[in-house]
Amino acid sequence: TGDPKNLEIKKIQLFVNANPKDLWKNIP
């Protein structure tokens, strides 16, 4: 807030796991 014109960056990671529902087949 004391230097609003200068943008800085910070790196992070997001892990998105597979939905457990998708691991099951749905055979008619």
mmCIF file of all heavy atoms, coordinates in Angstrom:
data_MODEL
# 
_entry.id   MODEL 
# 
loop_
_atom_site.group_PDB 
_atom_site.id 
_atom_site.type_symbol 
_atom_site.label_atom_id 
_atom_site.label_alt_id 
_atom_site.label_comp_id 
_atom_site.label_asym_id 
_atom_site.label_entity_id 
_atom_site.label_seq_id 
_atom_site.pdbx_PDB_ins_code 
_atom_site.Cartn_x 
_atom_site.Cartn_y 
_atom_site.Cartn_z 
_atom_site.occupancy 
_atom_site.B_iso_or_equiv 
_atom_site.pdbx_formal_charge 
_atom_site.auth_seq_id 
_atom_site.auth_comp_id 
_atom_site.auth_asym_id 
_atom_site.auth_atom_id 
_atom_site.pdbx_PDB_model_num 
ATOM 1   N N   . THR A 1 1  ? 0.820   -1.218  0.000   1.00 0.00 ? 1  THR A N   1 
ATOM 2   C CA  . THR A 1 1  ? 0.000   0.000   0.000   1.00 0.00 ? 1  THR A CA  1 
ATOM 3   C C   . THR A 1 1  ? 0.857   1.273   0.000   1.00 0.00 ? 1  THR A C   1 
ATOM 4   O O   . THR A 1 1  ? 0.394   2.336   -0.408  1.00 0.00 ? 1  THR A O   1 
ATOM 5   C CB  . THR A 1 1  ? -0.936  0.018   1.218   1.00 0.00 ? 1  THR A CB  1 
ATOM 6   O OG1 . THR A 1 1  ? -0.160  -0.139  2.422   1.00 0.00 ? 1  THR A OG1 1 
ATOM 7   C CG2 . THR A 1 1  ? -1.979  -1.093  1.119   1.00 0.00 ? 1  THR A CG2 1 
ATOM 8   N N   . GLY A 1 2  ? 2.112   1.136   0.421   1.00 0.00 ? 2  GLY A N   1 
ATOM 9   C CA  . GLY A 1 2  ? 3.012   2.285   0.390   1.00 0.00 ? 2  GLY A CA  1 
ATOM 10  C C   . GLY A 1 2  ? 3.690   2.451   -0.954  1.00 0.00 ? 2  GLY A C   1 
ATOM 11  O O   . GLY A 1 2  ? 4.402   3.437   -1.175  1.00 0.00 ? 2  GLY A O   1 
ATOM 12  N N   . ASP A 1 3  ? 3.492   1.486   -1.839  1.00 0.00 ? 3  ASP A N   1 
ATOM 13  C CA  . ASP A 1 3  ? 4.110   1.527   -3.175  1.00 0.00 ? 3  ASP A CA  1 
ATOM 14  C C   . ASP A 1 3  ? 3.169   0.841   -4.176  1.00 0.00 ? 3  ASP A C   1 
ATOM 15  O O   . ASP A 1 3  ? 3.492   -0.201  -4.747  1.00 0.00 ? 3  ASP A O   1 
ATOM 16  C CB  . ASP A 1 3  ? 5.466   0.821   -3.118  1.00 0.00 ? 3  ASP A CB  1 
ATOM 17  C CG  . ASP A 1 3  ? 6.228   0.903   -4.432  1.00 0.00 ? 3  ASP A CG  1 
ATOM 18  O OD1 . ASP A 1 3  ? 5.932   1.807   -5.249  1.00 0.00 ? 3  ASP A OD1 1 
ATOM 19  O OD2 . ASP A 1 3  ? 7.105   0.044   -4.663  1.00 0.00 ? 3  ASP A OD2 1 
ATOM 20  N N   . PRO A 1 4  ? 1.953   1.377   -4.372  1.00 0.00 ? 4  PRO A N   1 
ATOM 21  C CA  . PRO A 1 4  ? 0.912   0.688   -5.133  1.00 0.00 ? 4  PRO A CA  1 
ATOM 22  C C   . PRO A 1 4  ? 1.191   0.531   -6.627  1.00 0.00 ? 4  PRO A C   1 
ATOM 23  O O   . PRO A 1 4  ? 0.571   -0.303  -7.291  1.00 0.00 ? 4  PRO A O   1 
ATOM 24  C CB  . PRO A 1 4  ? -0.326  1.572   -4.910  1.00 0.00 ? 4  PRO A CB  1 
ATOM 25  C CG  . PRO A 1 4  ? 0.213   2.923   -4.581  1.00 0.00 ? 4  PRO A CG  1 
ATOM 26  C CD  . PRO A 1 4  ? 1.491   2.683   -3.848  1.00 0.00 ? 4  PRO A CD  1 
ATOM 27  N N   . LYS A 1 5  ? 2.135   1.300   -7.177  1.00 0.00 ? 5  LYS A N   1 
ATOM 28  C CA  . LYS A 1 5  ? 2.373   1.248   -8.619  1.00 0.00 ? 5  LYS A CA  1 
ATOM 29  C C   . LYS A 1 5  ? 3.250   0.070   -9.031  1.00 0.00 ? 5  LYS A C   1 
ATOM 30  O O   . LYS A 1 5  ? 3.247   -0.344  -10.194 1.00 0.00 ? 5  LYS A O   1 
ATOM 31  C CB  . LYS A 1 5  ? 3.017   2.550   -9.088  1.00 0.00 ? 5  LYS A CB  1 
ATOM 32  C CG  . LYS A 1 5  ? 2.085   3.758   -9.001  1.00 0.00 ? 5  LYS A CG  1 
ATOM 33  C CD  . LYS A 1 5  ? 2.759   4.999   -9.555  1.00 0.00 ? 5  LYS A CD  1 
ATOM 34  C CE  . LYS A 1 5  ? 1.811   6.191   -9.477  1.00 0.00 ? 5  LYS A CE  1 
ATOM 35  N NZ  . LYS A 1 5  ? 2.441   7.432   -10.003 1.00 0.00 ? 5  LYS A NZ  1 
ATOM 36  N N   . ASN A 1 6  ? 3.989   -0.469  -8.090  1.00 0.00 ? 6  ASN A N   1 
ATOM 37  C CA  . ASN A 1 6  ? 4.924   -1.554  -8.422  1.00 0.00 ? 6  ASN A CA  1 
ATOM 38  C C   . ASN A 1 6  ? 4.358   -2.910  -8.001  1.00 0.00 ? 6  ASN A C   1 
ATOM 39  O O   . ASN A 1 6  ? 4.205   -3.185  -6.810  1.00 0.00 ? 6  ASN A O   1 
ATOM 40  C CB  . ASN A 1 6  ? 6.271   -1.323  -7.738  1.00 0.00 ? 6  ASN A CB  1 
ATOM 41  C CG  . ASN A 1 6  ? 7.005   -0.154  -8.341  1.00 0.00 ? 6  ASN A CG  1 
ATOM 42  O OD1 . ASN A 1 6  ? 7.076   0.005   -9.553  1.00 0.00 ? 6  ASN A OD1 1 
ATOM 43  N ND2 . ASN A 1 6  ? 7.551   0.715   -7.473  1.00 0.00 ? 6  ASN A ND2 1 
ATOM 44  N N   . LEU A 1 7  ? 4.031   -3.746  -8.990  1.00 0.00 ? 7  LEU A N   1 
ATOM 45  C CA  . LEU A 1 7  ? 3.524   -5.091  -8.720  1.00 0.00 ? 7  LEU A CA  1 
ATOM 46  C C   . LEU A 1 7  ? 4.675   -6.052  -8.490  1.00 0.00 ? 7  LEU A C   1 
ATOM 47  O O   . LEU A 1 7  ? 5.686   -6.021  -9.207  1.00 0.00 ? 7  LEU A O   1 
ATOM 48  C CB  . LEU A 1 7  ? 2.675   -5.593  -9.884  1.00 0.00 ? 7  LEU A CB  1 
ATOM 49  C CG  . LEU A 1 7  ? 1.274   -4.998  -10.054 1.00 0.00 ? 7  LEU A CG  1 
ATOM 50  C CD1 . LEU A 1 7  ? 0.584   -5.605  -11.270 1.00 0.00 ? 7  LEU A CD1 1 
ATOM 51  C CD2 . LEU A 1 7  ? 0.429   -5.221  -8.810  1.00 0.00 ? 7  LEU A CD2 1 
ATOM 52  N N   . GLU A 1 8  ? 4.514   -6.904  -7.495  1.00 0.00 ? 8  GLU A N   1 
ATOM 53  C CA  . GLU A 1 8  ? 5.476   -7.962  -7.205  1.00 0.00 ? 8  GLU A CA  1 
ATOM 54  C C   . GLU A 1 8  ? 4.802   -9.310  -7.449  1.00 0.00 ? 8  GLU A C   1 
ATOM 55  O O   . GLU A 1 8  ? 3.576   -9.401  -7.593  1.00 0.00 ? 8  GLU A O   1 
ATOM 56  C CB  . GLU A 1 8  ? 5.932   -7.862  -5.751  1.00 0.00 ? 8  GLU A CB  1 
ATOM 57  C CG  . GLU A 1 8  ? 6.462   -6.510  -5.346  1.00 0.00 ? 8  GLU A CG  1 
ATOM 58  C CD  . GLU A 1 8  ? 7.848   -6.232  -5.902  1.00 0.00 ? 8  GLU A CD  1 
ATOM 59  O OE1 . GLU A 1 8  ? 8.553   -7.202  -6.256  1.00 0.00 ? 8  GLU A OE1 1 
ATOM 60  O OE2 . GLU A 1 8  ? 8.231   -5.046  -5.976  1.00 0.00 ? 8  GLU A OE2 1 
ATOM 61  N N   . ILE A 1 9  ? 5.585   -10.389 -7.486  1.00 0.00 ? 9  ILE A N   1 
ATOM 62  C CA  . ILE A 1 9  ? 5.001   -11.718 -7.723  1.00 0.00 ? 9  ILE A CA  1 
ATOM 63  C C   . ILE A 1 9  ? 5.459   -12.703 -6.652  1.00 0.00 ? 9  ILE A C   1 
ATOM 64  O O   . ILE A 1 9  ? 6.527   -12.567 -6.056  1.00 0.00 ? 9  ILE A O   1 
ATOM 65  C CB  . ILE A 1 9  ? 5.346   -12.258 -9.123  1.00 0.00 ? 9  ILE A CB  1 
ATOM 66  C CG1 . ILE A 1 9  ? 6.860   -12.443 -9.287  1.00 0.00 ? 9  ILE A CG1 1 
ATOM 67  C CG2 . ILE A 1 9  ? 4.770   -11.378 -10.211 1.00 0.00 ? 9  ILE A CG2 1 
ATOM 68  C CD1 . ILE A 1 9  ? 7.231   -13.183 -10.574 1.00 0.00 ? 9  ILE A CD1 1 
ATOM 69  N N   . LYS A 1 10 ? 4.590   -13.676 -6.443  1.00 0.00 ? 10 LYS A N   1 
ATOM 70  C CA  . LYS A 1 10 ? 4.875   -14.774 -5.509  1.00 0.00 ? 10 LYS A CA  1 
ATOM 71  C C   . LYS A 1 10 ? 4.352   -16.056 -6.139  1.00 0.00 ? 10 LYS A C   1 
ATOM 72  O O   . LYS A 1 10 ? 3.222   -16.099 -6.643  1.00 0.00 ? 10 LYS A O   1 
ATOM 73  C CB  . LYS A 1 10 ? 4.184   -14.522 -4.168  1.00 0.00 ? 10 LYS A CB  1 
ATOM 74  C CG  . LYS A 1 10 ? 4.288   -15.666 -3.152  1.00 0.00 ? 10 LYS A CG  1 
ATOM 75  C CD  . LYS A 1 10 ? 3.515   -15.302 -1.886  1.00 0.00 ? 10 LYS A CD  1 
ATOM 76  C CE  . LYS A 1 10 ? 3.519   -16.431 -0.860  1.00 0.00 ? 10 LYS A CE  1 
ATOM 77  N NZ  . LYS A 1 10 ? 4.867   -16.701 -0.335  1.00 0.00 ? 10 LYS A NZ  1 
ATOM 78  N N   . LYS A 1 11 ? 5.151   -17.103 -6.165  1.00 0.00 ? 11 LYS A N   1 
ATOM 79  C CA  . LYS A 1 11 ? 4.773   -18.368 -6.810  1.00 0.00 ? 11 LYS A CA  1 
ATOM 80  C C   . LYS A 1 11 ? 4.149   -19.324 -5.796  1.00 0.00 ? 11 LYS A C   1 
ATOM 81  O O   . LYS A 1 11 ? 4.657   -19.474 -4.684  1.00 0.00 ? 11 LYS A O   1 
ATOM 82  C CB  . LYS A 1 11 ? 6.008   -19.038 -7.434  1.00 0.00 ? 11 LYS A CB  1 
ATOM 83  C CG  . LYS A 1 11 ? 6.728   -18.197 -8.475  1.00 0.00 ? 11 LYS A CG  1 
ATOM 84  C CD  . LYS A 1 11 ? 5.948   -18.141 -9.774  1.00 0.00 ? 11 LYS A CD  1 
ATOM 85  C CE  . LYS A 1 11 ? 6.766   -17.445 -10.866 1.00 0.00 ? 11 LYS A CE  1 
ATOM 86  N NZ  . LYS A 1 11 ? 6.043   -17.407 -12.146 1.00 0.00 ? 11 LYS A NZ  1 
ATOM 87  N N   . ILE A 1 12 ? 3.052   -19.967 -6.186  1.00 0.00 ? 12 ILE A N   1 
ATOM 88  C CA  . ILE A 1 12 ? 2.422   -21.005 -5.365  1.00 0.00 ? 12 ILE A CA  1 
ATOM 89  C C   . ILE A 1 12 ? 1.942   -22.131 -6.285  1.00 0.00 ? 12 ILE A C   1 
ATOM 90  O O   . ILE A 1 12 ? 1.875   -21.966 -7.516  1.00 0.00 ? 12 ILE A O   1 
ATOM 91  C CB  . ILE A 1 12 ? 1.227   -20.466 -4.547  1.00 0.00 ? 12 ILE A CB  1 
ATOM 92  C CG1 . ILE A 1 12 ? 0.200   -19.798 -5.474  1.00 0.00 ? 12 ILE A CG1 1 
ATOM 93  C CG2 . ILE A 1 12 ? 1.685   -19.522 -3.460  1.00 0.00 ? 12 ILE A CG2 1 
ATOM 94  C CD1 . ILE A 1 12 ? -1.084  -19.404 -4.771  1.00 0.00 ? 12 ILE A CD1 1 
ATOM 95  N N   . GLN A 1 13 ? 1.600   -23.260 -5.690  1.00 0.00 ? 13 GLN A N   1 
ATOM 96  C CA  . GLN A 1 13 ? 1.065   -24.396 -6.458  1.00 0.00 ? 13 GLN A CA  1 
ATOM 97  C C   . GLN A 1 13 ? -0.290  -24.832 -5.896  1.00 0.00 ? 13 GLN A C   1 
ATOM 98  O O   . GLN A 1 13 ? -0.526  -24.757 -4.691  1.00 0.00 ? 13 GLN A O   1 
ATOM 99  C CB  . GLN A 1 13 ? 2.022   -25.592 -6.408  1.00 0.00 ? 13 GLN A CB  1 
ATOM 100 C CG  . GLN A 1 13 ? 3.201   -25.479 -7.349  1.00 0.00 ? 13 GLN A CG  1 
ATOM 101 C CD  . GLN A 1 13 ? 3.975   -26.786 -7.419  1.00 0.00 ? 13 GLN A CD  1 
ATOM 102 O OE1 . GLN A 1 13 ? 4.079   -27.523 -6.436  1.00 0.00 ? 13 GLN A OE1 1 
ATOM 103 N NE2 . GLN A 1 13 ? 4.524   -27.096 -8.589  1.00 0.00 ? 13 GLN A NE2 1 
ATOM 104 N N   . LEU A 1 14 ? -1.124  -25.269 -6.807  1.00 0.00 ? 14 LEU A N   1 
ATOM 105 C CA  . LEU A 1 14 ? -2.418  -25.835 -6.414  1.00 0.00 ? 14 LEU A CA  1 
ATOM 106 C C   . LEU A 1 14 ? -2.521  -27.247 -6.970  1.00 0.00 ? 14 LEU A C   1 
ATOM 107 O O   . LEU A 1 14 ? -2.377  -27.457 -8.185  1.00 0.00 ? 14 LEU A O   1 
ATOM 108 C CB  . LEU A 1 14 ? -3.574  -24.981 -6.953  1.00 0.00 ? 14 LEU A CB  1 
ATOM 109 C CG  . LEU A 1 14 ? -4.980  -25.564 -6.753  1.00 0.00 ? 14 LEU A CG  1 
ATOM 110 C CD1 . LEU A 1 14 ? -5.320  -25.667 -5.268  1.00 0.00 ? 14 LEU A CD1 1 
ATOM 111 C CD2 . LEU A 1 14 ? -6.035  -24.740 -7.483  1.00 0.00 ? 14 LEU A CD2 1 
ATOM 112 N N   . PHE A 1 15 ? -2.748  -28.211 -6.086  1.00 0.00 ? 15 PHE A N   1 
ATOM 113 C CA  . PHE A 1 15 ? -2.935  -29.602 -6.501  1.00 0.00 ? 15 PHE A CA  1 
ATOM 114 C C   . PHE A 1 15 ? -4.427  -29.898 -6.576  1.00 0.00 ? 15 PHE A C   1 
ATOM 115 O O   . PHE A 1 15 ? -5.146  -29.737 -5.583  1.00 0.00 ? 15 PHE A O   1 
ATOM 116 C CB  . PHE A 1 15 ? -2.274  -30.560 -5.502  1.00 0.00 ? 15 PHE A CB  1 
ATOM 117 C CG  . PHE A 1 15 ? -0.779  -30.495 -5.498  1.00 0.00 ? 15 PHE A CG  1 
ATOM 118 C CD1 . PHE A 1 15 ? -0.104  -29.541 -4.723  1.00 0.00 ? 15 PHE A CD1 1 
ATOM 119 C CD2 . PHE A 1 15 ? -0.026  -31.368 -6.267  1.00 0.00 ? 15 PHE A CD2 1 
ATOM 120 C CE1 . PHE A 1 15 ? 1.269   -29.465 -4.721  1.00 0.00 ? 15 PHE A CE1 1 
ATOM 121 C CE2 . PHE A 1 15 ? 1.362   -31.296 -6.264  1.00 0.00 ? 15 PHE A CE2 1 
ATOM 122 C CZ  . PHE A 1 15 ? 2.014   -30.349 -5.493  1.00 0.00 ? 15 PHE A CZ  1 
ATOM 123 N N   . VAL A 1 16 ? -4.868  -30.304 -7.749  1.00 0.00 ? 16 VAL A N   1 
ATOM 124 C CA  . VAL A 1 16 ? -6.262  -30.715 -7.922  1.00 0.00 ? 16 VAL A CA  1 
ATOM 125 C C   . VAL A 1 16 ? -6.277  -32.228 -8.140  1.00 0.00 ? 16 VAL A C   1 
ATOM 126 O O   . VAL A 1 16 ? -5.768  -32.729 -9.145  1.00 0.00 ? 16 VAL A O   1 
ATOM 127 C CB  . VAL A 1 16 ? -6.940  -29.996 -9.108  1.00 0.00 ? 16 VAL A CB  1 
ATOM 128 C CG1 . VAL A 1 16 ? -8.381  -30.481 -9.265  1.00 0.00 ? 16 VAL A CG1 1 
ATOM 129 C CG2 . VAL A 1 16 ? -6.904  -28.489 -8.907  1.00 0.00 ? 16 VAL A CG2 1 
ATOM 130 N N   . ASN A 1 17 ? -6.805  -32.933 -7.160  1.00 0.00 ? 17 ASN A N   1 
ATOM 131 C CA  . ASN A 1 17 ? -6.875  -34.391 -7.249  1.00 0.00 ? 17 ASN A CA  1 
ATOM 132 C C   . ASN A 1 17 ? -8.033  -34.825 -8.141  1.00 0.00 ? 17 ASN A C   1 
ATOM 133 O O   . ASN A 1 17 ? -9.009  -34.101 -8.323  1.00 0.00 ? 17 ASN A O   1 
ATOM 134 C CB  . ASN A 1 17 ? -7.073  -34.997 -5.853  1.00 0.00 ? 17 ASN A CB  1 
ATOM 135 C CG  . ASN A 1 17 ? -5.915  -34.684 -4.923  1.00 0.00 ? 17 ASN A CG  1 
ATOM 136 O OD1 . ASN A 1 17 ? -4.754  -34.762 -5.323  1.00 0.00 ? 17 ASN A OD1 1 
ATOM 137 N ND2 . ASN A 1 17 ? -6.219  -34.310 -3.687  1.00 0.00 ? 17 ASN A ND2 1 
ATOM 138 N N   . ALA A 1 18 ? -7.921  -36.025 -8.659  1.00 0.00 ? 18 ALA A N   1 
ATOM 139 C CA  . ALA A 1 18 ? -9.017  -36.591 -9.452  1.00 0.00 ? 18 ALA A CA  1 
ATOM 140 C C   . ALA A 1 18 ? -10.228 -36.812 -8.551  1.00 0.00 ? 18 ALA A C   1 
ATOM 141 O O   . ALA A 1 18 ? -10.090 -37.224 -7.399  1.00 0.00 ? 18 ALA A O   1 
ATOM 142 C CB  . ALA A 1 18 ? -8.588  -37.912 -10.083 1.00 0.00 ? 18 ALA A CB  1 
ATOM 143 N N   . ASN A 1 19 ? -11.400 -36.496 -9.058  1.00 0.00 ? 19 ASN A N   1 
ATOM 144 C CA  . ASN A 1 19 ? -12.627 -36.766 -8.312  1.00 0.00 ? 19 ASN A CA  1 
ATOM 145 C C   . ASN A 1 19 ? -12.773 -38.273 -8.176  1.00 0.00 ? 19 ASN A C   1 
ATOM 146 O O   . ASN A 1 19 ? -12.721 -39.000 -9.180  1.00 0.00 ? 19 ASN A O   1 
ATOM 147 C CB  . ASN A 1 19 ? -13.822 -36.185 -9.069  1.00 0.00 ? 19 ASN A CB  1 
ATOM 148 C CG  . ASN A 1 19 ? -15.096 -36.219 -8.254  1.00 0.00 ? 19 ASN A CG  1 
ATOM 149 O OD1 . ASN A 1 19 ? -15.394 -37.209 -7.586  1.00 0.00 ? 19 ASN A OD1 1 
ATOM 150 N ND2 . ASN A 1 19 ? -15.853 -35.150 -8.303  1.00 0.00 ? 19 ASN A ND2 1 
ATOM 151 N N   . PRO A 1 20 ? -12.946 -38.780 -6.945  1.00 0.00 ? 20 PRO A N   1 
ATOM 152 C CA  . PRO A 1 20 ? -13.061 -40.239 -6.787  1.00 0.00 ? 20 PRO A CA  1 
ATOM 153 C C   . PRO A 1 20 ? -14.196 -40.840 -7.598  1.00 0.00 ? 20 PRO A C   1 
ATOM 154 O O   . PRO A 1 20 ? -14.139 -42.003 -7.989  1.00 0.00 ? 20 PRO A O   1 
ATOM 155 C CB  . PRO A 1 20 ? -13.290 -40.418 -5.280  1.00 0.00 ? 20 PRO A CB  1 
ATOM 156 C CG  . PRO A 1 20 ? -13.594 -39.063 -4.742  1.00 0.00 ? 20 PRO A CG  1 
ATOM 157 C CD  . PRO A 1 20 ? -12.988 -38.084 -5.669  1.00 0.00 ? 20 PRO A CD  1 
ATOM 158 N N   . LYS A 1 21 ? -15.232 -40.042 -7.891  1.00 0.00 ? 21 LYS A N   1 
ATOM 159 C CA  . LYS A 1 21 ? -16.329 -40.555 -8.720  1.00 0.00 ? 21 LYS A CA  1 
ATOM 160 C C   . LYS A 1 21 ? -15.835 -40.962 -10.106 1.00 0.00 ? 21 LYS A C   1 
ATOM 161 O O   . LYS A 1 21 ? -16.339 -41.903 -10.709 1.00 0.00 ? 21 LYS A O   1 
ATOM 162 C CB  . LYS A 1 21 ? -17.423 -39.494 -8.878  1.00 0.00 ? 21 LYS A CB  1 
ATOM 163 C CG  . LYS A 1 21 ? -18.167 -39.135 -7.618  1.00 0.00 ? 21 LYS A CG  1 
ATOM 164 C CD  . LYS A 1 21 ? -19.213 -38.065 -7.934  1.00 0.00 ? 21 LYS A CD  1 
ATOM 165 C CE  . LYS A 1 21 ? -19.933 -37.588 -6.697  1.00 0.00 ? 21 LYS A CE  1 
ATOM 166 N NZ  . LYS A 1 21 ? -20.910 -36.518 -7.011  1.00 0.00 ? 21 LYS A NZ  1 
ATOM 167 N N   . ASP A 1 22 ? -14.839 -40.195 -10.624 1.00 0.00 ? 22 ASP A N   1 
ATOM 168 C CA  . ASP A 1 22 ? -14.363 -40.435 -11.988 1.00 0.00 ? 22 ASP A CA  1 
ATOM 169 C C   . ASP A 1 22 ? -13.539 -41.709 -12.111 1.00 0.00 ? 22 ASP A C   1 
ATOM 170 O O   . ASP A 1 22 ? -13.234 -42.151 -13.224 1.00 0.00 ? 22 ASP A O   1 
ATOM 171 C CB  . ASP A 1 22 ? -13.532 -39.241 -12.468 1.00 0.00 ? 22 ASP A CB  1 
ATOM 172 C CG  . ASP A 1 22 ? -14.370 -37.979 -12.597 1.00 0.00 ? 22 ASP A CG  1 
ATOM 173 O OD1 . ASP A 1 22 ? -15.599 -38.116 -12.739 1.00 0.00 ? 22 ASP A OD1 1 
ATOM 174 O OD2 . ASP A 1 22 ? -13.797 -36.874 -12.560 1.00 0.00 ? 22 ASP A OD2 1 
ATOM 175 N N   . LEU A 1 23 ? -13.135 -42.276 -10.975 1.00 0.00 ? 23 LEU A N   1 
ATOM 176 C CA  . LEU A 1 23 ? -12.333 -43.504 -11.006 1.00 0.00 ? 23 LEU A CA  1 
ATOM 177 C C   . LEU A 1 23 ? -13.208 -44.745 -11.176 1.00 0.00 ? 23 LEU A C   1 
ATOM 178 O O   . LEU A 1 23 ? -12.702 -45.844 -11.351 1.00 0.00 ? 23 LEU A O   1 
ATOM 179 C CB  . LEU A 1 23 ? -11.507 -43.617 -9.722  1.00 0.00 ? 23 LEU A CB  1 
ATOM 180 C CG  . LEU A 1 23 ? -10.584 -42.424 -9.429  1.00 0.00 ? 23 LEU A CG  1 
ATOM 181 C CD1 . LEU A 1 23 ? -9.863  -42.627 -8.095  1.00 0.00 ? 23 LEU A CD1 1 
ATOM 182 C CD2 . LEU A 1 23 ? -9.582  -42.226 -10.558 1.00 0.00 ? 23 LEU A CD2 1 
ATOM 183 N N   . TRP A 1 24 ? -14.530 -44.544 -11.132 1.00 0.00 ? 24 TRP A N   1 
ATOM 184 C CA  . TRP A 1 24 ? -15.467 -45.654 -11.285 1.00 0.00 ? 24 TRP A CA  1 
ATOM 185 C C   . TRP A 1 24 ? -16.078 -45.619 -12.686 1.00 0.00 ? 24 TRP A C   1 
ATOM 186 O O   . TRP A 1 24 ? -16.480 -44.565 -13.172 1.00 0.00 ? 24 TRP A O   1 
ATOM 187 C CB  . TRP A 1 24 ? -16.591 -45.552 -10.248 1.00 0.00 ? 24 TRP A CB  1 
ATOM 188 C CG  . TRP A 1 24 ? -16.140 -45.766 -8.837  1.00 0.00 ? 24 TRP A CG  1 
ATOM 189 C CD1 . TRP A 1 24 ? -15.460 -44.897 -8.051  1.00 0.00 ? 24 TRP A CD1 1 
ATOM 190 C CD2 . TRP A 1 24 ? -16.332 -46.942 -8.054  1.00 0.00 ? 24 TRP A CD2 1 
ATOM 191 N NE1 . TRP A 1 24 ? -15.220 -45.444 -6.826  1.00 0.00 ? 24 TRP A NE1 1 
ATOM 192 C CE2 . TRP A 1 24 ? -15.750 -46.706 -6.791  1.00 0.00 ? 24 TRP A CE2 1 
ATOM 193 C CE3 . TRP A 1 24 ? -16.949 -48.172 -8.287  1.00 0.00 ? 24 TRP A CE3 1 
ATOM 194 C CZ2 . TRP A 1 24 ? -15.750 -47.642 -5.765  1.00 0.00 ? 24 TRP A CZ2 1 
ATOM 195 C CZ3 . TRP A 1 24 ? -16.954 -49.111 -7.260  1.00 0.00 ? 24 TRP A CZ3 1 
ATOM 196 C CH2 . TRP A 1 24 ? -16.364 -48.849 -6.016  1.00 0.00 ? 24 TRP A CH2 1 
ATOM 197 N N   . LYS A 1 25 ? -16.143 -46.770 -13.310 1.00 0.00 ? 25 LYS A N   1 
ATOM 198 C CA  . LYS A 1 25 ? -16.789 -46.863 -14.623 1.00 0.00 ? 25 LYS A CA  1 
ATOM 199 C C   . LYS A 1 25 ? -18.310 -46.769 -14.449 1.00 0.00 ? 25 LYS A C   1 
ATOM 200 O O   . LYS A 1 25 ? -18.848 -47.074 -13.380 1.00 0.00 ? 25 LYS A O   1 
ATOM 201 C CB  . LYS A 1 25 ? -16.446 -48.195 -15.297 1.00 0.00 ? 25 LYS A CB  1 
ATOM 202 C CG  . LYS A 1 25 ? -14.970 -48.369 -15.614 1.00 0.00 ? 25 LYS A CG  1 
ATOM 203 C CD  . LYS A 1 25 ? -14.716 -49.756 -16.193 1.00 0.00 ? 25 LYS A CD  1 
ATOM 204 C CE  . LYS A 1 25 ? -13.219 -49.993 -16.420 1.00 0.00 ? 25 LYS A CE  1 
ATOM 205 N NZ  . LYS A 1 25 ? -12.966 -51.383 -16.908 1.00 0.00 ? 25 LYS A NZ  1 
ATOM 206 N N   . ASN A 1 26 ? -18.968 -46.368 -15.508 1.00 0.00 ? 26 ASN A N   1 
ATOM 207 C CA  . ASN A 1 26 ? -20.432 -46.316 -15.499 1.00 0.00 ? 26 ASN A CA  1 
ATOM 208 C C   . ASN A 1 26 ? -20.934 -47.030 -16.745 1.00 0.00 ? 26 ASN A C   1 
ATOM 209 O O   . ASN A 1 26 ? -21.277 -46.412 -17.754 1.00 0.00 ? 26 ASN A O   1 
ATOM 210 C CB  . ASN A 1 26 ? -20.918 -44.868 -15.459 1.00 0.00 ? 26 ASN A CB  1 
ATOM 211 C CG  . ASN A 1 26 ? -22.418 -44.767 -15.267 1.00 0.00 ? 26 ASN A CG  1 
ATOM 212 O OD1 . ASN A 1 26 ? -23.081 -45.746 -14.913 1.00 0.00 ? 26 ASN A OD1 1 
ATOM 213 N ND2 . ASN A 1 26 ? -22.975 -43.602 -15.507 1.00 0.00 ? 26 ASN A ND2 1 
ATOM 214 N N   . ILE A 1 27 ? -20.939 -48.366 -16.662 1.00 0.00 ? 27 ILE A N   1 
ATOM 215 C CA  . ILE A 1 27 ? -21.311 -49.207 -17.800 1.00 0.00 ? 27 ILE A CA  1 
ATOM 216 C C   . ILE A 1 27 ? -22.818 -49.452 -17.766 1.00 0.00 ? 27 ILE A C   1 
ATOM 217 O O   . ILE A 1 27 ? -23.336 -49.968 -16.775 1.00 0.00 ? 27 ILE A O   1 
ATOM 218 C CB  . ILE A 1 27 ? -20.562 -50.556 -17.751 1.00 0.00 ? 27 ILE A CB  1 
ATOM 219 C CG1 . ILE A 1 27 ? -19.046 -50.311 -17.698 1.00 0.00 ? 27 ILE A CG1 1 
ATOM 220 C CG2 . ILE A 1 27 ? -20.943 -51.424 -18.939 1.00 0.00 ? 27 ILE A CG2 1 
ATOM 221 C CD1 . ILE A 1 27 ? -18.235 -51.561 -17.414 1.00 0.00 ? 27 ILE A CD1 1 
ATOM 222 N N   . PRO A 1 28 ? -23.542 -49.094 -18.827 1.00 0.00 ? 28 PRO A N   1 
ATOM 223 C CA  . PRO A 1 28 ? -24.995 -49.303 -18.831 1.00 0.00 ? 28 PRO A CA  1 
ATOM 224 C C   . PRO A 1 28 ? -25.344 -50.785 -18.704 1.00 0.00 ? 28 PRO A C   1 
ATOM 225 O O   . PRO A 1 28 ? -24.622 -51.656 -19.204 1.00 0.00 ? 28 PRO A O   1 
ATOM 226 C CB  . PRO A 1 28 ? -25.438 -48.750 -20.195 1.00 0.00 ? 28 PRO A CB  1 
ATOM 227 C CG  . PRO A 1 28 ? -24.319 -47.851 -20.629 1.00 0.00 ? 28 PRO A CG  1 
ATOM 228 C CD  . PRO A 1 28 ? -23.070 -48.446 -20.061 1.00 0.00 ? 28 PRO A CD  1 
# 
